[in-house]
Protein backbone atom coordinates (compact mmCIF):
# COMPACT_ATOMS: atom_id res chain seq x y z
CA UNK A 1 -3.88 21.47 -30.86
CA UNK A 2 -6.15 18.47 -30.21
CA UNK A 3 -5.33 15.06 -31.66
CA UNK A 4 -7.46 11.96 -32.04
CA UNK A 5 -5.84 8.94 -30.43
CA UNK A 6 -6.99 5.57 -31.69
CA UNK A 7 -5.90 3.54 -28.67
CA UNK A 8 -6.99 3.17 -25.08
CA UNK A 9 -3.40 2.95 -23.82
CA UNK A 10 -0.74 5.59 -24.41
CA UNK A 11 2.94 5.84 -23.60
CA UNK A 12 5.67 8.35 -24.27
CA UNK A 13 8.67 7.78 -26.50
CA UNK A 14 10.82 7.91 -23.35
CA UNK A 15 8.79 5.12 -21.74
CA UNK A 16 9.10 3.05 -24.89
CA UNK A 17 12.90 3.52 -24.93
CA UNK A 18 13.22 2.52 -21.26
CA UNK A 19 11.07 -0.60 -21.45
CA UNK A 20 9.88 -1.59 -24.94
CA UNK A 21 8.31 -4.93 -24.02
CA UNK A 22 6.70 -3.48 -20.89
CA UNK A 23 5.12 -0.77 -23.02
CA UNK A 24 3.76 -3.33 -25.45
CA UNK A 25 2.42 -5.57 -22.69
CA UNK A 26 0.70 -2.58 -21.05
CA UNK A 27 -1.71 -2.66 -23.97
CA UNK A 28 -2.75 -6.22 -23.06
CA UNK A 29 -2.83 -7.30 -26.71
CA UNK A 30 -4.23 -4.02 -27.99
CA UNK A 31 -2.57 -1.14 -29.80
CA UNK A 32 -0.56 1.37 -27.76
CA UNK A 33 -0.32 4.97 -28.97
CA UNK A 34 3.22 6.33 -28.61
CA UNK A 35 3.20 10.05 -27.90
CA UNK A 36 5.87 12.63 -28.63
CA UNK A 37 5.17 15.96 -26.91
CA UNK A 38 1.60 14.82 -26.20
CA UNK A 39 0.87 14.17 -29.87
CA UNK A 40 0.61 10.66 -31.36
CA UNK A 41 3.86 9.85 -33.16
CA UNK A 42 3.03 6.24 -34.06
CA UNK A 43 1.13 3.19 -32.89
CA UNK A 44 2.72 0.10 -31.43
CA UNK A 45 0.62 -2.79 -32.74
CA UNK A 46 1.13 -6.30 -31.32
CA UNK A 47 1.70 -9.06 -33.89
CA UNK A 48 -1.68 -10.73 -33.27
CA UNK A 49 -3.59 -7.48 -33.75
CA UNK A 50 -1.59 -6.67 -36.91
CA UNK A 51 -2.26 -10.13 -38.38
CA UNK A 52 -6.00 -9.76 -37.66
CA UNK A 53 -5.96 -6.33 -39.32
CA UNK A 54 -4.22 -7.69 -42.43
CA UNK A 55 -6.72 -10.59 -42.63
CA UNK A 56 -9.61 -8.15 -42.42
CA UNK A 57 -8.14 -5.93 -45.15
CA UNK A 58 -7.67 -8.94 -47.40
CA UNK A 59 -11.29 -9.98 -46.83
CA UNK A 60 -12.45 -6.46 -47.73
CA UNK A 61 -10.39 -6.50 -50.94
CA UNK A 62 -11.77 -9.91 -51.93
CA UNK A 63 -15.32 -8.74 -51.23
CA UNK A 64 -14.76 -5.69 -53.44
CA UNK A 65 -13.55 -7.95 -56.27
CA UNK A 66 -16.55 -10.25 -55.83
CA UNK A 67 -18.95 -7.30 -55.83
CA UNK A 68 -17.37 -5.90 -59.00
CA UNK A 69 -17.70 -9.26 -60.74
CA UNK A 70 -21.28 -9.90 -59.58
CA UNK A 71 -22.72 -8.10 -62.61
CA UNK A 72 -20.62 -10.03 -65.14
CA UNK A 73 -22.39 -12.64 -67.22
CA UNK A 74 -22.15 -16.25 -66.09
CA UNK A 75 -20.29 -18.59 -68.45
CA UNK A 76 -21.20 -22.22 -68.00
CA UNK A 77 -18.58 -24.85 -68.81
CA UNK A 78 -18.25 -28.58 -68.33
CA UNK A 79 -15.21 -30.07 -66.65
CA UNK A 80 -14.54 -32.17 -69.74
CA UNK A 81 -14.24 -28.98 -71.80
CA UNK A 82 -11.47 -27.63 -69.62
């Protein structure tokens, strides 16, 4: 059965057990796909890449909120009224 692998670097579970930090550094800052019996079991994501991913997701969520509110009527107020 064919599997899509969303990483340019792969390693086996055995390689990860033998040398975890070496496996991570093999990705040179990118995600490493960990394979179990030639199928992706999970992805090893470096902290910097994970933080960038979370920032991007937050931006997408905020954009969705802004888009949803774009059609709402504008309510003008003065600072003194607050």
